[in-house]
Amino acid sequence: MAGGLGKGVWRTPRLTKAPGVCDPGGVKPIIPVGSGDDDTLWAVIATAGRKSRVANVYRNRTAALEDRAWRAQQVSAYEDFLRRSEQPVPHYSVAPIRRADLPKKWSPLPALGFLRGQFI
């Protein structure tokens, strides 16, 4: 790392006409750019039987894992009710998803995975 620059900023010295002499003042710092995966999101996926739906999406995996844990806790609290009312008990997982892969009219799923008696 060149003299006193912050973490992740490197300067490459520019050589002048004389061999062995360089001018570090004329070099601009390299700015790190994103990996280009700006369109990658983390999806919480609800699966009940053979049906799978995207329950919610997040920009980072940590938030998706927290939502998955919350949804699993809700299902566990109401599992007996779901079984007695003959509703499928959803299972939740987390996976990366591209924004382009979401259906056009997608909307988040309720915590228990169904609304008005149907798995959405």
PDB file of N, CA and C in Angstrom:
ATOM      1  N   MET A   1       0.851  -1.159   0.000  1.00  0.00           N
ATOM      2  CA  MET A   1       0.000   0.000   0.000  1.00  0.00           C
ATOM      3  C   MET A   1       0.898   1.224   0.000  1.00  0.00           C
ATOM      4  N   ALA A   2       0.560   2.205  -0.795  1.00  0.00           N
ATOM      5  CA  ALA A   2       1.392   3.396  -0.915  1.00  0.00           C
ATOM      6  C   ALA A   2       1.134   4.335   0.248  1.00  0.00           C
ATOM      7  N   GLY A   3       2.142   5.070   0.634  1.00  0.00           N
ATOM      8  CA  GLY A   3       2.218   5.986   1.746  1.00  0.00           C
ATOM      9  C   GLY A   3       0.942   6.609   2.267  1.00  0.00           C
ATOM     10  N   GLY A   4       0.411   6.095   3.347  1.00  0.00           N
ATOM     11  CA  GLY A   4      -0.662   6.719   4.084  1.00  0.00           C
ATOM     12  C   GLY A   4      -2.048   6.649   3.456  1.00  0.00           C
ATOM     13  N   LEU A   5      -2.238   5.868   2.438  1.00  0.00           N
ATOM     14  CA  LEU A   5      -3.564   5.765   1.835  1.00  0.00           C
ATOM     15  C   LEU A   5      -4.415   4.809   2.641  1.00  0.00           C
ATOM     16  N   GLY A   6      -5.734   4.991   2.556  1.00  0.00           N
ATOM     17  CA  GLY A   6      -6.657   4.146   3.295  1.00  0.00           C
ATOM     18  C   GLY A   6      -6.655   2.718   2.790  1.00  0.00           C
ATOM     19  N   LYS A   7      -7.309   1.870   3.542  1.00  0.00           N
ATOM     20  CA  LYS A   7      -7.396   0.448   3.206  1.00  0.00           C
ATOM     21  C   LYS A   7      -8.058   0.264   1.847  1.00  0.00           C
ATOM     22  N   GLY A   8      -7.482  -0.534   0.990  1.00  0.00           N
ATOM     23  CA  GLY A   8      -8.075  -0.853  -0.302  1.00  0.00           C
ATOM     24  C   GLY A   8      -7.742   0.133  -1.411  1.00  0.00           C
ATOM     25  N   VAL A   9      -6.975   1.193  -1.129  1.00  0.00           N
ATOM     26  CA  VAL A   9      -6.630   2.169  -2.167  1.00  0.00           C
ATOM     27  C   VAL A   9      -5.152   2.004  -2.481  1.00  0.00           C
ATOM     28  N   TRP A  10      -4.867   1.704  -3.740  1.00  0.00           N
ATOM     29  CA  TRP A  10      -3.494   1.490  -4.176  1.00  0.00           C
ATOM     30  C   TRP A  10      -3.140   2.505  -5.246  1.00  0.00           C
ATOM     31  N   ARG A  11      -1.892   2.893  -5.279  1.00  0.00           N
ATOM     32  CA  ARG A  11      -1.411   3.771  -6.337  1.00  0.00           C
ATOM     33  C   ARG A  11      -0.255   3.089  -7.049  1.00  0.00           C
ATOM     34  N   THR A  12      -0.292   3.186  -8.343  1.00  0.00           N
ATOM     35  CA  THR A  12       0.802   2.662  -9.139  1.00  0.00           C
ATOM     36  C   THR A  12       1.638   3.851  -9.598  1.00  0.00           C
ATOM     37  N   PRO A  13       2.928   3.884  -9.279  1.00  0.00           N
ATOM     38  CA  PRO A  13       3.743   5.034  -9.687  1.00  0.00           C
ATOM     39  C   PRO A  13       3.889   5.097 -11.208  1.00  0.00           C
ATOM     40  N   ARG A  14       3.896   6.319 -11.724  1.00  0.00           N
ATOM     41  CA  ARG A  14       4.075   6.526 -13.154  1.00  0.00           C
ATOM     42  C   ARG A  14       5.556   6.808 -13.420  1.00  0.00           C
ATOM     43  N   LEU A  15       6.112   6.089 -14.357  1.00  0.00           N
ATOM     44  CA  LEU A  15       7.521   6.272 -14.684  1.00  0.00           C
ATOM     45  C   LEU A  15       7.718   7.513 -15.542  1.00  0.00           C
ATOM     46  N   THR A  16       8.794   8.238 -15.271  1.00  0.00           N
ATOM     47  CA  THR A  16       9.141   9.398 -16.097  1.00  0.00           C
ATOM     48  C   THR A  16      10.147   8.966 -17.139  1.00  0.00           C
ATOM     49  N   LYS A  17      10.696   9.911 -17.868  1.00  0.00           N
ATOM     50  CA  LYS A  17      11.656   9.580 -18.928  1.00  0.00           C
ATOM     51  C   LYS A  17      12.934   8.966 -18.377  1.00  0.00           C
ATOM     52  N   ALA A  18      13.356   9.404 -17.205  1.00  0.00           N
ATOM     53  CA  ALA A  18      14.595   8.872 -16.635  1.00  0.00           C
ATOM     54  C   ALA A  18      14.311   7.536 -15.953  1.00  0.00           C
ATOM     55  N   PRO A  19      15.078   6.470 -16.288  1.00  0.00           N
ATOM     56  CA  PRO A  19      14.863   5.170 -15.661  1.00  0.00           C
ATOM     57  C   PRO A  19      15.093   5.233 -14.149  1.00  0.00           C
ATOM     58  N   GLY A  20      14.220   4.573 -13.406  1.00  0.00           N
ATOM     59  CA  GLY A  20      14.387   4.506 -11.956  1.00  0.00           C
ATOM     60  C   GLY A  20      13.789   5.687 -11.215  1.00  0.00           C
ATOM     61  N   VAL A  21      13.270   6.683 -11.918  1.00  0.00           N
ATOM     62  CA  VAL A  21      12.666   7.843 -11.263  1.00  0.00           C
ATOM     63  C   VAL A  21      11.161   7.797 -11.549  1.00  0.00           C
ATOM     64  N   CYS A  22      10.370   7.976 -10.527  1.00  0.00           N
ATOM     65  CA  CYS A  22       8.923   7.938 -10.745  1.00  0.00           C
ATOM     66  C   CYS A  22       8.245   9.135 -10.101  1.00  0.00           C
ATOM     67  N   ASP A  23       7.010   9.404 -10.533  1.00  0.00           N
ATOM     68  CA  ASP A  23       6.229  10.533 -10.032  1.00  0.00           C
ATOM     69  C   ASP A  23       4.922  10.006  -9.441  1.00  0.00           C
ATOM     70  N   PRO A  24       4.902   9.656  -8.139  1.00  0.00           N
ATOM     71  CA  PRO A  24       3.687   9.109  -7.551  1.00  0.00           C
ATOM     72  C   PRO A  24       2.560  10.133  -7.422  1.00  0.00           C
ATOM     73  N   GLY A  25       2.859  11.426  -7.506  1.00  0.00           N
ATOM     74  CA  GLY A  25       1.830  12.453  -7.373  1.00  0.00           C
ATOM     75  C   GLY A  25       0.891  12.510  -8.565  1.00  0.00           C
ATOM     76  N   GLY A  26       1.276  12.004  -9.712  1.00  0.00           N
ATOM     77  CA  GLY A  26       0.441  12.088 -10.897  1.00  0.00           C
ATOM     78  C   GLY A  26      -0.500  10.904 -11.084  1.00  0.00           C
ATOM     79  N   VAL A  27      -0.555  10.026 -10.119  1.00  0.00           N
ATOM     80  CA  VAL A  27      -1.370   8.823 -10.255  1.00  0.00           C
ATOM     81  C   VAL A  27      -2.663   8.983  -9.461  1.00  0.00           C
ATOM     82  N   LYS A  28      -3.774   8.594 -10.085  1.00  0.00           N
ATOM     83  CA  LYS A  28      -5.065   8.647  -9.401  1.00  0.00           C
ATOM     84  C   LYS A  28      -5.298   7.317  -8.684  1.00  0.00           C
ATOM     85  N   PRO A  29      -5.972   7.370  -7.516  1.00  0.00           N
ATOM     86  CA  PRO A  29      -6.210   6.110  -6.789  1.00  0.00           C
ATOM     87  C   PRO A  29      -7.197   5.217  -7.548  1.00  0.00           C
ATOM     88  N   ILE A  30      -7.012   3.915  -7.388  1.00  0.00           N
ATOM     89  CA  ILE A  30      -7.937   2.949  -7.972  1.00  0.00           C
ATOM     90  C   ILE A  30      -9.110   2.812  -7.019  1.00  0.00           C
ATOM     91  N   ILE A  31     -10.297   2.989  -7.543  1.00  0.00           N
ATOM     92  CA  ILE A  31     -11.499   2.916  -6.714  1.00  0.00           C
ATOM     93  C   ILE A  31     -12.139   1.550  -6.921  1.00  0.00           C
ATOM     94  N   PRO A  32     -12.334   0.797  -5.832  1.00  0.00           N
ATOM     95  CA  PRO A  32     -12.954  -0.519  -5.982  1.00  0.00           C
ATOM     96  C   PRO A  32     -14.426  -0.381  -6.405  1.00  0.00           C
ATOM     97  N   VAL A  33     -14.835  -1.210  -7.320  1.00  0.00           N
ATOM     98  CA  VAL A  33     -16.221  -1.217  -7.772  1.00  0.00           C
ATOM     99  C   VAL A  33     -16.878  -2.515  -7.336  1.00  0.00           C
ATOM    100  N   GLY A  34     -18.208  -2.514  -7.317  1.00  0.00           N
ATOM    101  CA  GLY A  34     -18.947  -3.715  -6.945  1.00  0.00           C
ATOM    102  C   GLY A  34     -18.660  -4.841  -7.914  1.00  0.00           C
ATOM    103  N   SER A  35     -19.068  -6.024  -7.527  1.00  0.00           N
ATOM    104  CA  SER A  35     -18.791  -7.201  -8.335  1.00  0.00           C
ATOM    105  C   SER A  35     -19.718  -7.317  -9.535  1.00  0.00           C
ATOM    106  N   GLY A  36     -20.678  -6.403  -9.675  1.00  0.00           N
ATOM    107  CA  GLY A  36     -21.594  -6.475 -10.801  1.00  0.00           C
ATOM    108  C   GLY A  36     -22.824  -7.312 -10.503  1.00  0.00           C
ATOM    109  N   ASP A  37     -22.928  -7.842  -9.295  1.00  0.00           N
ATOM    110  CA  ASP A  37     -24.072  -8.659  -8.917  1.00  0.00           C
ATOM    111  C   ASP A  37     -25.143  -7.824  -8.214  1.00  0.00           C
ATOM    112  N   ASP A  38     -25.288  -6.563  -8.625  1.00  0.00           N
ATOM    113  CA  ASP A  38     -26.250  -5.683  -7.978  1.00  0.00           C
ATOM    114  C   ASP A  38     -27.668  -6.210  -8.121  1.00  0.00           C
ATOM    115  N   ASP A  39     -27.897  -7.075  -9.073  1.00  0.00           N
ATOM    116  CA  ASP A  39     -29.240  -7.574  -9.306  1.00  0.00           C
ATOM    117  C   ASP A  39     -29.470  -8.893  -8.564  1.00  0.00           C
ATOM    118  N   THR A  40     -28.476  -9.370  -7.793  1.00  0.00           N
ATOM    119  CA  THR A  40     -28.637 -10.601  -7.019  1.00  0.00           C
ATOM    120  C   THR A  40     -29.212 -10.270  -5.648  1.00  0.00           C
ATOM    121  N   LEU A  41     -30.282 -10.958  -5.310  1.00  0.00           N
ATOM    122  CA  LEU A  41     -30.946 -10.789  -4.026  1.00  0.00           C
ATOM    123  C   LEU A  41     -30.965 -12.141  -3.307  1.00  0.00           C
ATOM    124  N   TRP A  42     -31.353 -12.136  -2.049  1.00  0.00           N
ATOM    125  CA  TRP A  42     -31.499 -13.377  -1.282  1.00  0.00           C
ATOM    126  C   TRP A  42     -32.976 -13.599  -1.046  1.00  0.00           C
ATOM    127  N   ALA A  43     -33.467 -14.754  -1.437  1.00  0.00           N
ATOM    128  CA  ALA A  43     -34.888 -15.075  -1.328  1.00  0.00           C
ATOM    129  C   ALA A  43     -35.134 -16.060  -0.198  1.00  0.00           C
ATOM    130  N   VAL A  44     -36.216 -15.814   0.540  1.00  0.00           N
ATOM    131  CA  VAL A  44     -36.726 -16.788   1.491  1.00  0.00           C
ATOM    132  C   VAL A  44     -37.805 -17.538   0.716  1.00  0.00           C
ATOM    133  N   ILE A  45     -37.616 -18.843   0.562  1.00  0.00           N
ATOM    134  CA  ILE A  45     -38.512 -19.645  -0.273  1.00  0.00           C
ATOM    135  C   ILE A  45     -39.364 -20.549   0.612  1.00  0.00           C
ATOM    136  N   ALA A  46     -40.682 -20.463   0.413  1.00  0.00           N
ATOM    137  CA  ALA A  46     -41.631 -21.311   1.147  1.00  0.00           C
ATOM    138  C   ALA A  46     -41.971 -22.505   0.279  1.00  0.00           C
ATOM    139  N   THR A  47     -41.878 -23.700   0.850  1.00  0.00           N
ATOM    140  CA  THR A  47     -42.228 -24.923   0.134  1.00  0.00           C
ATOM    141  C   THR A  47     -43.254 -25.688   0.960  1.00  0.00           C
ATOM    142  N   ALA A  48     -44.365 -26.032   0.301  1.00  0.00           N
ATOM    143  CA  ALA A  48     -45.396 -26.852   0.945  1.00  0.00           C
ATOM    144  C   ALA A  48     -45.810 -27.895  -0.076  1.00  0.00           C
ATOM    145  N   GLY A  49     -45.492 -29.145   0.224  1.00  0.00           N
ATOM    146  CA  GLY A  49     -45.765 -30.204  -0.741  1.00  0.00           C
ATOM    147  C   GLY A  49     -44.885 -30.010  -1.971  1.00  0.00           C
ATOM    148  N   ARG A  50     -45.510 -29.955  -3.135  1.00  0.00           N
ATOM    149  CA  ARG A  50     -44.756 -29.747  -4.379  1.00  0.00           C
ATOM    150  C   ARG A  50     -44.715 -28.297  -4.820  1.00  0.00           C
ATOM    151  N   LYS A  51     -45.382 -27.422  -4.096  1.00  0.00           N
ATOM    152  CA  LYS A  51     -45.432 -26.005  -4.459  1.00  0.00           C
ATOM    153  C   LYS A  51     -44.347 -25.230  -3.730  1.00  0.00           C
ATOM    154  N   SER A  52     -43.675 -24.358  -4.455  1.00  0.00           N
ATOM    155  CA  SER A  52     -42.688 -23.455  -3.868  1.00  0.00           C
ATOM    156  C   SER A  52     -43.004 -22.035  -4.314  1.00  0.00           C
ATOM    157  N   ARG A  53     -42.861 -21.101  -3.399  1.00  0.00           N
ATOM    158  CA  ARG A  53     -43.091 -19.694  -3.690  1.00  0.00           C
ATOM    159  C   ARG A  53     -42.006 -18.867  -3.010  1.00  0.00           C
ATOM    160  N   VAL A  54     -41.676 -17.736  -3.607  1.00  0.00           N
ATOM    161  CA  VAL A  54     -40.750 -16.799  -2.971  1.00  0.00           C
ATOM    162  C   VAL A  54     -41.549 -16.049  -1.918  1.00  0.00           C
ATOM    163  N   ALA A  55     -41.187 -16.238  -0.658  1.00  0.00           N
ATOM    164  CA  ALA A  55     -41.909 -15.604   0.440  1.00  0.00           C
ATOM    165  C   ALA A  55     -41.502 -14.138   0.600  1.00  0.00           C
ATOM    166  N   ASN A  56     -40.198 -13.857   0.486  1.00  0.00           N
ATOM    167  CA  ASN A  56     -39.707 -12.493   0.595  1.00  0.00           C
ATOM    168  C   ASN A  56     -38.297 -12.428   0.028  1.00  0.00           C
ATOM    169  N   VAL A  57     -37.826 -11.228  -0.288  1.00  0.00           N
ATOM    170  CA  VAL A  57     -36.479 -11.039  -0.825  1.00  0.00           C
ATOM    171  C   VAL A  57     -35.744  -9.976  -0.019  1.00  0.00           C
ATOM    172  N   TYR A  58     -34.432 -10.147   0.056  1.00  0.00           N
ATOM    173  CA  TYR A  58     -33.578  -9.229   0.819  1.00  0.00           C
ATOM    174  C   TYR A  58     -32.296  -8.970   0.042  1.00  0.00           C
ATOM    175  N   ARG A  59     -31.663  -7.856   0.344  1.00  0.00           N
ATOM    176  CA  ARG A  59     -30.399  -7.503  -0.306  1.00  0.00           C
ATOM    177  C   ARG A  59     -29.220  -8.292   0.264  1.00  0.00           C
ATOM    178  N   ASN A  60     -29.339  -8.764   1.504  1.00  0.00           N
ATOM    179  CA  ASN A  60     -28.226  -9.532   2.065  1.00  0.00           C
ATOM    180  C   ASN A  60     -28.727 -10.831   2.691  1.00  0.00           C
ATOM    181  N   ARG A  61     -27.829 -11.781   2.787  1.00  0.00           N
ATOM    182  CA  ARG A  61     -28.168 -13.126   3.262  1.00  0.00           C
ATOM    183  C   ARG A  61     -28.551 -13.127   4.739  1.00  0.00           C
ATOM    184  N   THR A  62     -27.910 -12.276   5.530  1.00  0.00           N
ATOM    185  CA  THR A  62     -28.192 -12.230   6.967  1.00  0.00           C
ATOM    186  C   THR A  62     -29.651 -11.882   7.224  1.00  0.00           C
ATOM    187  N   ALA A  63     -30.164 -10.875   6.535  1.00  0.00           N
ATOM    188  CA  ALA A  63     -31.564 -10.481   6.709  1.00  0.00           C
ATOM    189  C   ALA A  63     -32.497 -11.612   6.266  1.00  0.00           C
ATOM    190  N   ALA A  64     -32.142 -12.289   5.192  1.00  0.00           N
ATOM    191  CA  ALA A  64     -32.968 -13.403   4.709  1.00  0.00           C
ATOM    192  C   ALA A  64     -32.974 -14.545   5.722  1.00  0.00           C
ATOM    193  N   LEU A  65     -31.832 -14.842   6.321  1.00  0.00           N
ATOM    194  CA  LEU A  65     -31.759 -15.905   7.332  1.00  0.00           C
ATOM    195  C   LEU A  65     -32.578 -15.547   8.571  1.00  0.00           C
ATOM    196  N   GLU A  66     -32.558 -14.261   8.954  1.00  0.00           N
ATOM    197  CA  GLU A  66     -33.357 -13.821  10.099  1.00  0.00           C
ATOM    198  C   GLU A  66     -34.848 -13.976   9.797  1.00  0.00           C
ATOM    199  N   ASP A  67     -35.266 -13.611   8.587  1.00  0.00           N
ATOM    200  CA  ASP A  67     -36.669 -13.753   8.203  1.00  0.00           C
ATOM    201  C   ASP A  67     -37.062 -15.228   8.170  1.00  0.00           C
ATOM    202  N   ARG A  68     -36.183 -16.062   7.640  1.00  0.00           N
ATOM    203  CA  ARG A  68     -36.445 -17.502   7.584  1.00  0.00           C
ATOM    204  C   ARG A  68     -36.642 -18.064   8.986  1.00  0.00           C
ATOM    205  N   ALA A  69     -35.788 -17.657   9.928  1.00  0.00           N
ATOM    206  CA  ALA A  69     -35.900 -18.123  11.314  1.00  0.00           C
ATOM    207  C   ALA A  69     -37.224 -17.656  11.932  1.00  0.00           C
ATOM    208  N   TRP A  70     -37.605 -16.404  11.673  1.00  0.00           N
ATOM    209  CA  TRP A  70     -38.858 -15.883  12.204  1.00  0.00           C
ATOM    210  C   TRP A  70     -40.047 -16.654  11.630  1.00  0.00           C
ATOM    211  N   ARG A  71     -40.034 -16.909  10.331  1.00  0.00           N
ATOM    212  CA  ARG A  71     -41.123 -17.649   9.695  1.00  0.00           C
ATOM    213  C   ARG A  71     -41.196 -19.082  10.236  1.00  0.00           C
ATOM    214  N   ALA A  72     -40.047 -19.715  10.420  1.00  0.00           N
ATOM    215  CA  ALA A  72     -40.022 -21.082  10.968  1.00  0.00           C
ATOM    216  C   ALA A  72     -40.585 -21.093  12.388  1.00  0.00           C
ATOM    217  N   GLN A  73     -40.282 -20.066  13.181  1.00  0.00           N
ATOM    218  CA  GLN A  73     -40.815 -19.963  14.544  1.00  0.00           C
ATOM    219  C   GLN A  73     -42.329 -19.799  14.503  1.00  0.00           C
ATOM    220  N   GLN A  74     -42.845 -18.982  13.579  1.00  0.00           N
ATOM    221  CA  GLN A  74     -44.290 -18.792  13.444  1.00  0.00           C
ATOM    222  C   GLN A  74     -44.979 -20.104  13.066  1.00  0.00           C
ATOM    223  N   VAL A  75     -44.382 -20.823  12.123  1.00  0.00           N
ATOM    224  CA  VAL A  75     -44.955 -22.104  11.696  1.00  0.00           C
ATOM    225  C   VAL A  75     -44.955 -23.087  12.856  1.00  0.00           C
ATOM    226  N   SER A  76     -43.872 -23.129  13.619  1.00  0.00           N
ATOM    227  CA  SER A  76     -43.804 -24.070  14.738  1.00  0.00           C
ATOM    228  C   SER A  76     -44.847 -23.720  15.798  1.00  0.00           C
ATOM    229  N   ALA A  77     -45.095 -22.442  16.022  1.00  0.00           N
ATOM    230  CA  ALA A  77     -46.094 -22.029  17.009  1.00  0.00           C
ATOM    231  C   ALA A  77     -47.516 -22.397  16.563  1.00  0.00           C
ATOM    232  N   TYR A  78     -47.756 -22.402  15.268  1.00  0.00           N
ATOM    233  CA  TYR A  78     -49.097 -22.672  14.748  1.00  0.00           C
ATOM    234  C   TYR A  78     -49.212 -24.007  14.021  1.00  0.00           C
ATOM    235  N   GLU A  79     -48.220 -24.880  14.169  1.00  0.00           N
ATOM    236  CA  GLU A  79     -48.204 -26.139  13.426  1.00  0.00           C
ATOM    237  C   GLU A  79     -49.433 -26.999  13.714  1.00  0.00           C
ATOM    238  N   ASP A  80     -49.823 -27.090  14.960  1.00  0.00           N
ATOM    239  CA  ASP A  80     -50.994 -27.894  15.315  1.00  0.00           C
ATOM    240  C   ASP A  80     -52.252 -27.330  14.637  1.00  0.00           C
ATOM    241  N   PHE A  81     -52.400 -26.006  14.679  1.00  0.00           N
ATOM    242  CA  PHE A  81     -53.540 -25.358  14.022  1.00  0.00           C
ATOM    243  C   PHE A  81     -53.542 -25.636  12.520  1.00  0.00           C
ATOM    244  N   LEU A  82     -52.378 -25.531  11.900  1.00  0.00           N
ATOM    245  CA  LEU A  82     -52.283 -25.784  10.453  1.00  0.00           C
ATOM    246  C   LEU A  82     -52.700 -27.213  10.121  1.00  0.00           C
ATOM    247  N   ARG A  83     -52.236 -28.161  10.912  1.00  0.00           N
ATOM    248  CA  ARG A  83     -52.578 -29.560  10.659  1.00  0.00           C
ATOM    249  C   ARG A  83     -54.075 -29.824  10.863  1.00  0.00           C
ATOM    250  N   ARG A  84     -54.658 -29.271  11.940  1.00  0.00           N
ATOM    251  CA  ARG A  84     -56.097 -29.464  12.188  1.00  0.00           C
ATOM    252  C   ARG A  84     -56.960 -28.824  11.107  1.00  0.00           C
ATOM    253  N   SER A  85     -56.497 -27.703  10.559  1.00  0.00           N
ATOM    254  CA  SER A  85     -57.278 -27.037   9.515  1.00  0.00           C
ATOM    255  C   SER A  85     -56.889 -27.543   8.118  1.00  0.00           C
ATOM    256  N   GLU A  86     -56.110 -28.617   8.086  1.00  0.00           N
ATOM    257  CA  GLU A  86     -55.700 -29.280   6.846  1.00  0.00           C
ATOM    258  C   GLU A  86     -54.982 -28.349   5.875  1.00  0.00           C
ATOM    259  N   GLN A  87     -54.179 -27.454   6.436  1.00  0.00           N
ATOM    260  CA  GLN A  87     -53.335 -26.570   5.633  1.00  0.00           C
ATOM    261  C   GLN A  87     -51.950 -27.198   5.531  1.00  0.00           C
ATOM    262  N   PRO A  88     -51.284 -27.028   4.401  1.00  0.00           N
ATOM    263  CA  PRO A  88     -49.913 -27.552   4.307  1.00  0.00           C
ATOM    264  C   PRO A  88     -48.992 -26.773   5.243  1.00  0.00           C
ATOM    265  N   VAL A  89     -48.088 -27.475   5.878  1.00  0.00           N
ATOM    266  CA  VAL A  89     -47.118 -26.823   6.764  1.00  0.00           C
ATOM    267  C   VAL A  89     -45.906 -26.447   5.923  1.00  0.00           C
ATOM    268  N   PRO A  90     -45.688 -25.149   5.730  1.00  0.00           N
ATOM    269  CA  PRO A  90     -44.571 -24.731   4.865  1.00  0.00           C
ATOM    270  C   PRO A  90     -43.209 -24.929   5.529  1.00  0.00           C
ATOM    271  N   HIS A  91     -42.232 -25.174   4.696  1.00  0.00           N
ATOM    272  CA  HIS A  91     -40.828 -25.271   5.091  1.00  0.00           C
ATOM    273  C   HIS A  91     -40.126 -24.108   4.407  1.00  0.00           C
ATOM    274  N   TYR A  92     -39.231 -23.420   5.099  1.00  0.00           N
ATOM    275  CA  TYR A  92     -38.569 -22.243   4.531  1.00  0.00           C
ATOM    276  C   TYR A  92     -37.085 -22.485   4.319  1.00  0.00           C
ATOM    277  N   SER A  93     -36.576 -21.964   3.215  1.00  0.00           N
ATOM    278  CA  SER A  93     -35.146 -22.046   2.911  1.00  0.00           C
ATOM    279  C   SER A  93     -34.706 -20.705   2.334  1.00  0.00           C
ATOM    280  N   VAL A  94     -33.391 -20.514   2.222  1.00  0.00           N
ATOM    281  CA  VAL A  94     -32.826 -19.270   1.690  1.00  0.00           C
ATOM    282  C   VAL A  94     -31.944 -19.618   0.498  1.00  0.00           C
ATOM    283  N   ALA A  95     -32.104 -18.843  -0.579  1.00  0.00           N
ATOM    284  CA  ALA A  95     -31.304 -19.061  -1.789  1.00  0.00           C
ATOM    285  C   ALA A  95     -31.121 -17.744  -2.527  1.00  0.00           C
ATOM    286  N   PRO A  96     -30.006 -17.601  -3.262  1.00  0.00           N
ATOM    287  CA  PRO A  96     -29.837 -16.384  -4.064  1.00  0.00           C
ATOM    288  C   PRO A  96     -30.810 -16.398  -5.243  1.00  0.00           C
ATOM    289  N   ILE A  97     -31.253 -15.222  -5.638  1.00  0.00           N
ATOM    290  CA  ILE A  97     -32.176 -15.105  -6.764  1.00  0.00           C
ATOM    291  C   ILE A  97     -31.861 -13.799  -7.493  1.00  0.00           C
ATOM    292  N   ARG A  98     -32.013 -13.829  -8.801  1.00  0.00           N
ATOM    293  CA  ARG A  98     -31.825 -12.596  -9.577  1.00  0.00           C
ATOM    294  C   ARG A  98     -33.151 -11.852  -9.644  1.00  0.00           C
ATOM    295  N   ARG A  99     -33.081 -10.539  -9.640  1.00  0.00           N
ATOM    296  CA  ARG A  99     -34.285  -9.718  -9.725  1.00  0.00           C
ATOM    297  C   ARG A  99     -35.118 -10.105 -10.942  1.00  0.00           C
ATOM    298  N   ALA A 100     -34.455 -10.444 -12.032  1.00  0.00           N
ATOM    299  CA  ALA A 100     -35.154 -10.806 -13.272  1.00  0.00           C
ATOM    300  C   ALA A 100     -35.936 -12.114 -13.134  1.00  0.00           C
ATOM    301  N   ASP A 101     -35.584 -12.946 -12.154  1.00  0.00           N
ATOM    302  CA  ASP A 101     -36.269 -14.223 -11.967  1.00  0.00           C
ATOM    303  C   ASP A 101     -37.547 -14.113 -11.132  1.00  0.00           C
ATOM    304  N   LEU A 102     -37.787 -12.953 -10.538  1.00  0.00           N
ATOM    305  CA  LEU A 102     -39.025 -12.766  -9.775  1.00  0.00           C
ATOM    306  C   LEU A 102     -40.195 -12.556 -10.735  1.00  0.00           C
ATOM    307  N   PRO A 103     -41.352 -13.148 -10.443  1.00  0.00           N
ATOM    308  CA  PRO A 103     -42.523 -12.899 -11.289  1.00  0.00           C
ATOM    309  C   PRO A 103     -42.879 -11.411 -11.271  1.00  0.00           C
ATOM    310  N   LYS A 104     -43.462 -10.918 -12.367  1.00  0.00           N
ATOM    311  CA  LYS A 104     -43.761  -9.485 -12.469  1.00  0.00           C
ATOM    312  C   LYS A 104     -44.677  -8.986 -11.368  1.00  0.00           C
ATOM    313  N   LYS A 105     -45.675  -9.763 -11.004  1.00  0.00           N
ATOM    314  CA  LYS A 105     -46.625  -9.319  -9.983  1.00  0.00           C
ATOM    315  C   LYS A 105     -46.360  -9.987  -8.639  1.00  0.00           C
ATOM    316  N   TRP A 106     -45.089 -10.259  -8.342  1.00  0.00           N
ATOM    317  CA  TRP A 106     -44.730 -10.913  -7.095  1.00  0.00           C
ATOM    318  C   TRP A 106     -45.040 -10.003  -5.912  1.00  0.00           C
ATOM    319  N   SER A 107     -45.504 -10.590  -4.827  1.00  0.00           N
ATOM    320  CA  SER A 107     -45.674  -9.866  -3.569  1.00  0.00           C
ATOM    321  C   SER A 107     -45.292 -10.814  -2.433  1.00  0.00           C
ATOM    322  N   PRO A 108     -44.864 -10.269  -1.289  1.00  0.00           N
ATOM    323  CA  PRO A 108     -44.427 -11.121  -0.172  1.00  0.00           C
ATOM    324  C   PRO A 108     -45.542 -12.028   0.335  1.00  0.00           C
ATOM    325  N   LEU A 109     -45.154 -13.197   0.826  1.00  0.00           N
ATOM    326  CA  LEU A 109     -46.092 -14.168   1.394  1.00  0.00           C
ATOM    327  C   LEU A 109     -46.337 -13.884   2.875  1.00  0.00           C
ATOM    328  N   PRO A 110     -47.532 -14.160   3.365  1.00  0.00           N
ATOM    329  CA  PRO A 110     -47.755 -14.077   4.815  1.00  0.00           C
ATOM    330  C   PRO A 110     -46.880 -15.101   5.544  1.00  0.00           C
ATOM    331  N   ALA A 111     -46.666 -14.904   6.831  1.00  0.00           N
ATOM    332  CA  ALA A 111     -45.754 -15.746   7.606  1.00  0.00           C
ATOM    333  C   ALA A 111     -46.100 -17.224   7.562  1.00  0.00           C
ATOM    334  N   LEU A 112     -47.387 -17.583   7.627  1.00  0.00           N
ATOM    335  CA  LEU A 112     -47.750 -18.996   7.657  1.00  0.00           C
ATOM    336  C   LEU A 112     -47.895 -19.589   6.266  1.00  0.00           C
ATOM    337  N   GLY A 113     -47.716 -18.779   5.230  1.00  0.00           N
ATOM    338  CA  GLY A 113     -47.681 -19.314   3.877  1.00  0.00           C
ATOM    339  C   GLY A 113     -49.013 -19.431   3.187  1.00  0.00           C
ATOM    340  N   PHE A 114     -50.083 -19.021   3.826  1.00  0.00           N
ATOM    341  CA  PHE A 114     -51.374 -19.107   3.142  1.00  0.00           C
ATOM    342  C   PHE A 114     -52.219 -17.885   3.451  1.00  0.00           C
ATOM    343  N   LEU A 115     -53.162 -17.621   2.608  1.00  0.00           N
ATOM    344  CA  LEU A 115     -54.084 -16.517   2.775  1.00  0.00           C
ATOM    345  C   LEU A 115     -55.433 -16.950   2.222  1.00  0.00           C
ATOM    346  N   ARG A 116     -56.476 -16.709   2.971  1.00  0.00           N
ATOM    347  CA  ARG A 116     -57.825 -17.117   2.564  1.00  0.00           C
ATOM    348  C   ARG A 116     -57.887 -18.609   2.251  1.00  0.00           C
ATOM    349  N   GLY A 117     -57.187 -19.401   3.057  1.00  0.00           N
ATOM    350  CA  GLY A 117     -57.286 -20.854   2.919  1.00  0.00           C
ATOM    351  C   GLY A 117     -56.469 -21.471   1.803  1.00  0.00           C
ATOM    352  N   GLN A 118     -55.670 -20.696   1.083  1.00  0.00           N
ATOM    353  CA  GLN A 118     -54.886 -21.257  -0.015  1.00  0.00           C
ATOM    354  C   GLN A 118     -53.414 -20.904   0.148  1.00  0.00           C
ATOM    355  N   PHE A 119     -52.560 -21.880  -0.143  1.00  0.00           N
ATOM    356  CA  PHE A 119     -51.127 -21.635  -0.171  1.00  0.00           C
ATOM    357  C   PHE A 119     -50.854 -20.750  -1.383  1.00  0.00           C
ATOM    358  N   ILE A 120     -50.228 -19.639  -1.133  1.00  0.00           N
ATOM    359  CA  ILE A 120     -50.028 -18.683  -2.225  1.00  0.00           C
ATOM    360  C   ILE A 120     -48.770 -19.013  -3.004  1.00  0.00           C
TER     361      ILE A 120
END
